[in-house]
């Protein structure tokens, strides 16, 4: 059974503790405990060791445990659902139920940002002990208030996590919401979304390729399966360009322990790359830096793809699984 977010991140509810007890006061004053809100603390050494996205999870859970009526929403809700995102938010979005409006900023919970919207009861639920918006409402809010790429990343991740969220079902449930302010932003994100993306940075790479509109690029496929005829082993590639150029995207989390021991992951990835090359494919490997160093121009990843298509010769055939 999956533990509540409170237990996952070792959160201490001070409201239920003798706040002014010598033990609690000493740990707060010495820095052994760190306040995330006025009512929630966390062991400081534990929190410091967390990667940024898990710190954001802990903050979202802390705010969710602190607010009396509020519902965690937007990107913070996505984190508590397990939905992948590109960027890390500094504030936890909170919406109030029904037509209740947020008070002045001085009354807001520490670390929270309130958004005054209408939040019907049917779009509220509880996930691992925290009140959050439902999956679709969360995705719609991200599309309405965040950049398009972030919305596509969230949709790709949700569709990968829950295969039952088919395009037909999402469209049907979105239509049932009725008129949604800035709903066209959600439809635009959904149009760009795919269900078979393995990570947020794979989505980002795919969107960069689409937006670059390179004349050399005829097709961009994702999570394509190859099978070694000698060993029978299958390998899925992140992105396949023009049916032969493999683009592998290494997200930050892959080498920070999210997918297991970093050293083991690195060895597995190198073995996999060698196997793909032995099958006759050309493999380009990029990381987050190559996706984000473009500024106003082309990022390194796009330049590498263009050069690869010009420099390498397409193999006569590859053992891909249809």
Protein backbone atom coordinates (compact mmCIF):
# COMPACT_ATOMS: atom_id res chain seq x y z
CA UNK A 1 0.00 0.00 0.00
CA UNK A 2 1.36 3.41 -0.98
CA UNK A 3 1.96 5.58 2.11
CA UNK A 4 0.37 8.99 2.55
CA UNK A 5 2.44 11.96 1.42
CA UNK A 6 2.90 12.95 5.06
CA UNK A 7 4.73 9.70 5.76
CA UNK A 8 6.55 9.65 2.42
CA UNK A 9 8.27 12.94 3.23
CA UNK A 10 8.48 12.52 7.02
CA UNK A 11 6.32 15.59 7.63
CA UNK A 12 5.60 16.55 11.24
CA UNK A 13 2.24 18.17 12.01
CA UNK A 14 3.01 20.71 14.70
CA UNK A 15 -0.67 21.37 15.31
CA UNK A 16 -0.82 17.89 16.81
CA UNK A 17 2.43 18.27 18.76
CA UNK A 18 3.22 20.35 21.85
CA UNK A 19 4.61 23.16 19.66
CA UNK A 20 6.29 24.90 22.58
CA UNK A 21 7.69 21.72 24.08
CA UNK A 22 11.43 21.96 24.81
CA UNK A 23 12.20 19.13 22.37
CA UNK A 24 10.34 20.66 19.40
CA UNK A 25 11.60 24.17 20.19
CA UNK A 26 15.20 22.95 20.45
CA UNK A 27 15.02 21.14 17.10
CA UNK A 28 13.54 24.20 15.39
CA UNK A 29 16.07 26.58 16.92
CA UNK A 30 19.02 24.30 16.16
CA UNK A 31 17.93 23.80 12.57
CA UNK A 32 17.31 20.07 12.92
CA UNK A 33 13.71 20.71 11.91
CA UNK A 34 12.80 22.98 9.01
CA UNK A 35 9.43 24.71 8.78
CA UNK A 36 7.69 24.29 5.42
CA UNK A 37 4.55 26.06 6.68
CA UNK A 38 3.54 27.43 10.07
CA UNK A 39 2.15 24.00 10.96
CA UNK A 40 4.36 21.52 9.09
CA UNK A 41 8.03 20.75 9.73
CA UNK A 42 10.43 18.30 8.14
CA UNK A 43 13.82 16.95 9.24
CA UNK A 44 16.23 19.47 7.75
CA UNK A 45 18.89 16.95 6.73
CA UNK A 46 16.29 14.83 4.94
CA UNK A 47 14.87 17.83 3.07
CA UNK A 48 18.29 19.14 2.02
CA UNK A 49 19.14 15.79 0.43
CA UNK A 50 16.03 15.71 -1.74
CA UNK A 51 16.29 16.55 -5.46
CA UNK A 52 14.38 19.71 -6.46
CA UNK A 53 11.28 17.93 -7.71
CA UNK A 54 10.92 15.96 -4.46
CA UNK A 55 11.36 19.15 -2.45
CA UNK A 56 8.43 20.50 -4.48
CA UNK A 57 6.42 17.37 -3.60
CA UNK A 58 7.15 17.89 0.08
CA UNK A 59 6.14 21.57 -0.10
CA UNK A 60 2.91 20.68 -1.91
CA UNK A 61 2.06 18.07 0.72
CA UNK A 62 2.91 20.48 3.55
CA UNK A 63 0.64 23.20 2.19
CA UNK A 64 -2.10 20.63 1.55
CA UNK A 65 -1.91 19.48 5.17
CA UNK A 66 -1.97 23.07 6.45
CA UNK A 67 -4.88 24.65 4.58
CA UNK A 68 -8.27 24.13 6.21
CA UNK A 69 -10.44 24.23 3.10
CA UNK A 70 -8.05 24.74 0.23
CA UNK A 71 -7.36 22.23 -2.53
CA UNK A 72 -3.86 21.79 -3.99
CA UNK A 73 -4.07 22.55 -7.72
CA UNK A 74 -2.06 23.15 -10.88
CA UNK A 75 1.54 21.94 -11.06
CA UNK A 76 1.62 21.15 -7.33
CA UNK A 77 -1.36 18.83 -7.74
CA UNK A 78 0.36 17.22 -10.73
CA UNK A 79 3.32 16.36 -8.51
CA UNK A 80 1.09 14.72 -5.93
CA UNK A 81 -0.54 12.70 -8.72
CA UNK A 82 2.91 11.60 -9.93
CA UNK A 83 2.66 13.52 -13.21
CA UNK A 84 5.98 14.59 -14.72
CA UNK A 85 6.84 18.26 -15.31
CA UNK A 86 9.71 20.23 -16.82
CA UNK A 87 10.17 23.00 -14.27
CA UNK A 88 9.96 23.24 -10.50
CA UNK A 89 7.52 25.73 -9.02
CA UNK A 90 8.40 27.85 -5.98
CA UNK A 91 4.82 28.27 -4.75
CA UNK A 92 2.06 25.72 -4.21
CA UNK A 93 -1.11 26.63 -6.08
CA UNK A 94 -4.24 26.41 -3.94
CA UNK A 95 -7.86 26.78 -5.03
CA UNK A 96 -10.82 27.16 -2.69
CA UNK A 97 -13.92 24.97 -3.11
CA UNK A 98 -17.03 26.19 -4.87
CA UNK A 99 -17.16 29.93 -5.44
CA UNK A 100 -15.18 30.91 -2.35
CA UNK A 101 -12.68 33.67 -3.05
CA UNK A 102 -9.22 33.86 -1.54
CA UNK A 103 -8.57 36.49 1.10
CA UNK A 104 -5.79 39.07 1.04
CA UNK A 105 -2.21 37.89 0.58
CA UNK A 106 -1.51 38.48 4.24
CA UNK A 107 -3.87 35.62 5.10
CA UNK A 108 -2.32 33.10 2.71
CA UNK A 109 -0.59 29.98 4.00
CA UNK A 110 3.21 30.19 3.84
CA UNK A 111 4.44 28.87 0.49
CA UNK A 112 1.00 28.96 -1.13
CA UNK A 113 -0.35 30.97 -4.03
CA UNK A 114 -4.13 31.18 -4.13
CA UNK A 115 -5.98 31.33 -7.42
CA UNK A 116 -9.54 32.63 -7.38
CA UNK A 117 -11.54 30.31 -9.62
CA UNK A 118 -14.73 28.27 -9.45
CA UNK A 119 -13.93 24.77 -8.20
CA UNK A 120 -16.99 22.46 -8.18
CA UNK A 121 -16.98 19.52 -5.79
CA UNK A 122 -16.75 17.01 -8.65
CA UNK A 123 -13.25 18.28 -9.45
CA UNK A 124 -11.95 17.75 -5.91
CA UNK A 125 -10.56 14.49 -4.53
CA UNK A 126 -8.04 13.13 -2.02
CA UNK A 127 -4.73 11.63 -3.13
CA UNK A 128 -2.58 9.97 -0.48
CA UNK A 129 -4.04 12.07 2.28
CA UNK A 130 -4.01 15.46 0.50
CA UNK A 131 -6.95 17.32 -1.06
CA UNK A 132 -6.12 17.86 -4.73
CA UNK A 133 -7.92 18.68 -7.93
CA UNK A 134 -8.88 15.71 -10.09
CA UNK A 135 -6.47 14.55 -12.77
CA UNK A 136 -8.22 16.24 -15.67
CA UNK A 137 -8.90 19.48 -13.80
CA UNK A 138 -5.22 19.55 -12.85
CA UNK A 139 -4.17 19.11 -16.49
CA UNK A 140 -6.62 21.75 -17.71
CA UNK A 141 -5.38 24.25 -15.12
CA UNK A 142 -1.78 23.68 -16.17
CA UNK A 143 -2.72 24.29 -19.81
CA UNK A 144 -4.60 27.47 -18.91
CA UNK A 145 -1.90 29.02 -16.73
CA UNK A 146 1.47 27.57 -17.79
CA UNK A 147 3.52 27.57 -21.04
CA UNK A 148 2.33 25.25 -23.80
CA UNK A 149 5.34 22.92 -23.54
CA UNK A 150 4.69 22.38 -19.82
CA UNK A 151 1.07 21.48 -20.56
CA UNK A 152 2.07 18.99 -23.26
CA UNK A 153 4.62 17.41 -20.92
CA UNK A 154 1.97 16.98 -18.22
CA UNK A 155 -0.50 15.46 -20.69
CA UNK A 156 2.11 13.09 -22.13
CA UNK A 157 3.04 11.97 -18.63
CA UNK A 158 -0.56 11.44 -17.54
CA UNK A 159 -1.41 9.43 -20.65
CA UNK A 160 1.69 7.31 -20.09
CA UNK A 161 0.85 6.74 -16.41
CA UNK A 162 -2.81 5.92 -17.03
CA UNK A 163 -3.40 4.25 -20.42
CA UNK A 164 -7.14 4.41 -19.75
CA UNK A 165 -6.89 8.17 -20.32
CA UNK A 166 -7.43 7.76 -24.03
CA UNK A 167 -7.75 10.72 -26.34
CA UNK A 168 -11.46 9.94 -26.70
CA UNK A 169 -11.99 9.88 -22.94
CA UNK A 170 -10.05 13.09 -22.34
CA UNK A 171 -12.01 14.90 -25.05
CA UNK A 172 -15.30 13.59 -23.66
CA UNK A 173 -14.54 14.60 -20.07
CA UNK A 174 -13.24 17.98 -21.18
CA UNK A 175 -16.45 18.58 -23.14
CA UNK A 176 -18.44 17.70 -20.01
CA UNK A 177 -16.71 20.58 -18.22
CA UNK A 178 -18.71 22.99 -20.36
CA UNK A 179 -17.29 26.39 -21.21
CA UNK A 180 -13.75 26.67 -19.86
CA UNK A 181 -11.95 29.99 -19.86
CA UNK A 182 -8.87 29.71 -22.11
CA UNK A 183 -9.97 26.18 -22.96
CA UNK A 184 -8.37 26.55 -26.38
CA UNK A 185 -4.97 26.32 -24.67
CA UNK A 186 -5.85 22.86 -23.37
CA UNK A 187 -7.06 21.74 -26.80
CA UNK A 188 -3.81 22.99 -28.35
CA UNK A 189 -1.76 21.04 -25.80
CA UNK A 190 -3.84 17.90 -26.29
CA UNK A 191 -3.36 18.11 -30.05
CA UNK A 192 0.42 17.97 -29.50
CA UNK A 193 0.27 15.23 -26.89
CA UNK A 194 1.20 11.57 -27.35
CA UNK A 195 0.54 8.60 -25.05
CA UNK A 196 3.85 6.79 -25.47
CA UNK A 197 6.42 9.23 -24.08
CA UNK A 198 8.81 7.98 -21.41
CA UNK A 199 9.91 11.22 -19.73
CA UNK A 200 9.32 15.01 -19.67
CA UNK A 201 12.57 15.70 -21.52
CA UNK A 202 11.62 13.28 -24.30
CA UNK A 203 8.50 15.38 -24.78
CA UNK A 204 10.61 18.55 -24.83
CA UNK A 205 12.95 17.07 -27.44
CA UNK A 206 10.03 16.03 -29.64
CA UNK A 207 8.46 19.49 -29.42
CA UNK A 208 11.77 21.17 -30.25
CA UNK A 209 12.10 19.01 -33.37
CA UNK A 210 8.55 19.79 -34.45
CA UNK A 211 8.96 23.52 -33.88
CA UNK A 212 12.33 23.59 -35.67
CA UNK A 213 10.57 22.38 -38.83
CA UNK A 214 13.81 21.10 -40.34
CA UNK A 215 13.29 20.27 -44.03
CA UNK A 216 15.52 17.22 -43.52
CA UNK A 217 13.13 15.72 -40.94
CA UNK A 218 10.40 13.68 -42.58
CA UNK A 219 9.10 11.79 -39.54
CA UNK A 220 9.44 11.81 -35.74
CA UNK A 221 8.36 8.64 -33.92
CA UNK A 222 8.51 7.89 -30.21
CA UNK A 223 9.16 4.73 -28.18
CA UNK A 224 9.83 2.58 -31.25
CA UNK A 225 10.67 -1.06 -30.55
CA UNK A 226 13.64 -2.87 -32.09
CA UNK A 227 14.29 -6.58 -31.62
CA UNK A 228 17.68 -8.25 -31.94
CA UNK A 229 17.17 -11.29 -34.21
CA UNK A 230 20.15 -13.05 -32.60
CA UNK A 231 19.21 -12.67 -28.93
CA UNK A 232 15.49 -11.93 -29.16
CA UNK A 233 15.92 -8.94 -26.85
CA UNK A 234 13.77 -5.87 -27.41
CA UNK A 235 14.94 -2.27 -27.16
CA UNK A 236 12.70 0.79 -27.16
CA UNK A 237 14.25 4.00 -28.47
CA UNK A 238 13.15 7.40 -27.19
CA UNK A 239 12.80 9.10 -30.57
CA UNK A 240 13.31 7.76 -34.10
CA UNK A 241 13.84 10.32 -36.85
CA UNK A 242 13.19 9.47 -40.50
CA UNK A 243 12.92 5.82 -39.54
CA UNK A 244 16.63 5.34 -38.82
CA UNK A 245 18.29 8.08 -36.72
CA UNK A 246 17.89 7.28 -33.02
CA UNK A 247 17.76 10.15 -30.51
CA UNK A 248 18.20 9.14 -26.87
CA UNK A 249 17.35 11.76 -24.24
CA UNK A 250 18.99 11.61 -20.83
CA UNK A 251 16.87 13.50 -18.29
CA UNK A 252 18.42 14.82 -15.08
CA UNK A 253 16.45 12.42 -12.90
CA UNK A 254 17.87 9.37 -14.64
CA UNK A 255 21.30 9.95 -13.12
CA UNK A 256 20.12 11.24 -9.74
CA UNK A 257 18.65 7.98 -8.54
CA UNK A 258 15.02 8.20 -9.66
CA UNK A 259 15.43 5.12 -11.87
CA UNK A 260 17.74 3.21 -9.55
CA UNK A 261 21.42 3.38 -8.72
CA UNK A 262 22.98 6.01 -11.04
CA UNK A 263 26.08 3.91 -11.79
CA UNK A 264 23.93 0.90 -12.72
CA UNK A 265 21.64 3.05 -14.86
CA UNK A 266 24.63 4.51 -16.69
CA UNK A 267 26.07 1.07 -17.45
CA UNK A 268 22.68 -0.21 -18.61
CA UNK A 269 22.27 2.79 -20.91
CA UNK A 270 25.72 2.28 -22.46
CA UNK A 271 25.04 -1.43 -23.01
CA UNK A 272 21.74 -0.53 -24.60
CA UNK A 273 23.35 2.05 -26.87
CA UNK A 274 25.97 -0.48 -27.98
CA UNK A 275 23.24 -3.04 -28.72
CA UNK A 276 21.32 -0.51 -30.84
CA UNK A 277 24.46 0.37 -32.78
CA UNK A 278 25.16 -3.33 -33.37
CA UNK A 279 21.71 -3.58 -34.94
CA UNK A 280 22.81 -1.00 -37.50
CA UNK A 281 21.18 2.12 -36.08
CA UNK A 282 22.84 5.51 -35.66
CA UNK A 283 22.45 6.80 -32.10
CA UNK A 284 22.64 10.41 -30.94
CA UNK A 285 22.60 10.94 -27.18
CA UNK A 286 21.65 14.30 -25.67
CA UNK A 287 21.01 15.64 -22.19
CA UNK A 288 19.07 18.52 -20.71
CA UNK A 289 21.87 20.99 -21.52
CA UNK A 290 21.62 20.23 -25.25
CA UNK A 291 17.87 20.90 -25.11
CA UNK A 292 18.05 24.21 -23.24
CA UNK A 293 21.14 26.01 -24.56
CA UNK A 294 19.57 27.55 -27.62
CA UNK A 295 18.46 30.92 -26.28
CA UNK A 296 16.74 32.63 -29.20
CA UNK A 297 18.39 30.31 -31.72
CA UNK A 298 18.61 26.59 -32.29
CA UNK A 299 19.59 24.40 -29.37
CA UNK A 300 22.47 21.96 -29.70
CA UNK A 301 20.10 19.00 -30.02
CA UNK A 302 18.50 20.39 -33.19
CA UNK A 303 21.93 21.14 -34.65
CA UNK A 304 23.10 17.59 -33.88
CA UNK A 305 20.05 16.10 -35.58
CA UNK A 306 20.58 18.19 -38.70
CA UNK A 307 24.24 17.25 -38.83
CA UNK A 308 23.45 13.58 -38.21
CA UNK A 309 20.97 13.44 -41.07
CA UNK A 310 23.58 14.93 -43.40
CA UNK A 311 26.64 13.08 -42.10
CA UNK A 312 25.40 9.53 -41.65
CA UNK A 313 23.99 7.12 -44.19
CA UNK A 314 20.66 5.50 -43.46
CA UNK A 315 20.95 1.71 -43.03
CA UNK A 316 19.23 -0.44 -45.61
CA UNK A 317 17.05 -2.03 -42.93
CA UNK A 318 16.54 -2.15 -39.18
CA UNK A 319 14.88 -4.93 -37.12
CA UNK A 320 12.03 -2.77 -35.83
CA UNK A 321 8.83 -4.29 -34.52
CA UNK A 322 5.78 -3.03 -36.37
